Amino acid sequence: MAMYGESRFDATDDADARTATTRAGWRRGSGEDRQWLILPSAWRDEICRGRNPQTIARALAERGMLLRDSEGRFQRSERTPLGQRRVYVVTASILEADSDDS
């Protein structure tokens, strides 16, 4: 996400917005309410490249940075401009994370 910013995420609420050439998912909301709906393939192949996607999802969910579905799974069924899709939903709190561990 740091490498491409929001250029790989289409807006869910703006039909006139530019569309991503190589879509990693969608974005919705703004400010503290911003969420990124990340396609499973982008999660696995790009965001978690070289790491275990389940471990990353678990760590983010435990910190409130990734929303689980009603059954506790890391992927959620969300409405997108292309219909219902299973996605990882990352919240804006991921950008506010500071280094409490230091």
Protein backbone atom coordinates (compact mmCIF):
# COMPACT_ATOMS: atom_id res chain seq x y z
CA MET A 1 0.00 0.00 0.00
CA ALA A 2 2.89 2.33 0.77
CA MET A 3 4.38 1.76 -2.68
CA TYR A 4 1.28 2.62 -4.74
CA GLY A 5 -0.85 4.65 -2.32
CA GLU A 6 -4.47 4.56 -3.36
CA SER A 7 -3.77 4.35 -7.10
CA ARG A 8 -4.49 0.59 -7.09
CA PHE A 9 -7.84 0.99 -5.27
CA ASP A 10 -11.02 2.11 -7.03
CA ALA A 11 -13.51 4.25 -5.12
CA THR A 12 -16.71 2.38 -4.21
CA ASP A 13 -18.78 5.56 -3.97
CA ASP A 14 -17.67 7.62 -6.99
CA ALA A 15 -18.76 6.23 -10.35
CA ASP A 16 -16.90 9.04 -12.17
CA ALA A 17 -13.56 8.42 -10.46
CA ARG A 18 -10.56 7.11 -12.33
CA THR A 19 -10.34 3.31 -12.36
CA ALA A 20 -7.17 1.46 -11.43
CA THR A 21 -5.25 -0.12 -14.28
CA THR A 22 -4.18 -3.01 -12.06
CA ARG A 23 -6.79 -3.18 -9.30
CA ALA A 24 -5.78 -4.44 -5.86
CA GLY A 25 -9.25 -3.66 -4.49
CA TRP A 26 -11.48 -0.74 -3.55
CA ARG A 27 -11.50 2.10 -1.07
CA ARG A 28 -14.42 3.68 0.76
CA GLY A 29 -14.96 6.35 3.37
CA SER A 30 -12.50 9.03 4.33
CA GLY A 31 -10.31 10.08 7.21
CA GLU A 32 -10.66 7.81 10.25
CA ASP A 33 -13.47 5.94 8.49
CA ARG A 34 -11.38 5.03 5.41
CA GLN A 35 -11.33 1.33 4.55
CA TRP A 36 -9.52 -0.62 1.86
CA LEU A 37 -11.21 -3.73 0.46
CA ILE A 38 -8.31 -5.85 -0.73
CA LEU A 39 -8.75 -8.71 -3.17
CA PRO A 40 -7.41 -12.06 -1.88
CA SER A 41 -4.94 -12.38 -4.77
CA ALA A 42 -3.44 -8.93 -4.06
CA TRP A 43 -3.33 -9.73 -0.34
CA ARG A 44 -1.48 -12.99 -0.92
CA ASP A 45 0.76 -12.09 -3.87
CA GLU A 46 1.59 -8.44 -3.17
CA ILE A 47 0.84 -7.22 0.33
CA CYS A 48 2.02 -10.38 2.10
CA ARG A 49 4.64 -11.42 -0.45
CA GLY A 50 7.23 -13.56 1.28
CA ARG A 51 5.19 -13.83 4.47
CA ASN A 52 2.31 -15.97 5.68
CA PRO A 53 -0.96 -14.15 4.71
CA GLN A 54 -2.89 -15.77 7.60
CA THR A 55 -0.29 -14.66 10.14
CA ILE A 56 -0.35 -11.09 8.81
CA ALA A 57 -4.18 -11.04 8.82
CA ARG A 58 -4.30 -12.38 12.38
CA ALA A 59 -1.80 -9.80 13.63
CA LEU A 60 -3.71 -6.93 12.01
CA ALA A 61 -7.09 -8.21 13.24
CA GLU A 62 -5.77 -8.45 16.81
CA ARG A 63 -4.77 -4.78 16.56
CA GLY A 64 -8.13 -3.69 15.12
CA MET A 65 -6.61 -2.87 11.74
CA LEU A 66 -8.39 -5.65 9.83
CA LEU A 67 -12.10 -6.39 10.17
CA ARG A 68 -13.24 -10.00 10.53
CA ASP A 69 -16.56 -11.35 9.29
CA SER A 70 -19.35 -12.41 11.66
CA GLU A 71 -17.81 -15.87 12.00
CA GLY A 72 -14.32 -14.60 12.77
CA ARG A 73 -12.81 -15.22 9.32
CA PHE A 74 -10.30 -12.74 7.96
CA GLN A 75 -12.06 -12.34 4.60
CA ARG A 76 -15.47 -10.68 4.51
CA SER A 77 -18.18 -10.62 1.88
CA GLU A 78 -18.54 -6.97 0.89
CA ARG A 79 -20.51 -5.11 -1.76
CA THR A 80 -18.24 -3.67 -4.45
CA PRO A 81 -19.00 -2.01 -7.79
CA LEU A 82 -18.57 -5.52 -9.27
CA GLY A 83 -21.04 -7.12 -6.85
CA GLN A 84 -20.41 -9.14 -3.69
CA ARG A 85 -16.76 -10.11 -3.28
CA ARG A 86 -14.70 -11.80 -0.56
CA VAL A 87 -12.08 -9.27 0.49
CA TYR A 88 -9.79 -8.33 3.34
CA VAL A 89 -11.00 -5.07 4.93
CA VAL A 90 -8.17 -2.95 6.31
CA THR A 91 -9.09 0.12 8.37
CA ALA A 92 -7.47 3.56 8.50
CA SER A 93 -6.05 2.72 11.92
CA ILE A 94 -3.23 0.96 10.07
CA LEU A 95 -1.93 4.39 9.05
CA GLU A 96 -2.12 5.72 12.60
CA ALA A 97 -0.16 2.86 14.15
CA ASP A 98 2.84 4.16 15.99
CA SER A 99 5.74 2.17 17.27
CA ASP A 100 4.57 1.27 20.77
CA ASP A 101 7.11 -1.55 20.73
CA SER A 102 10.13 0.76 20.66
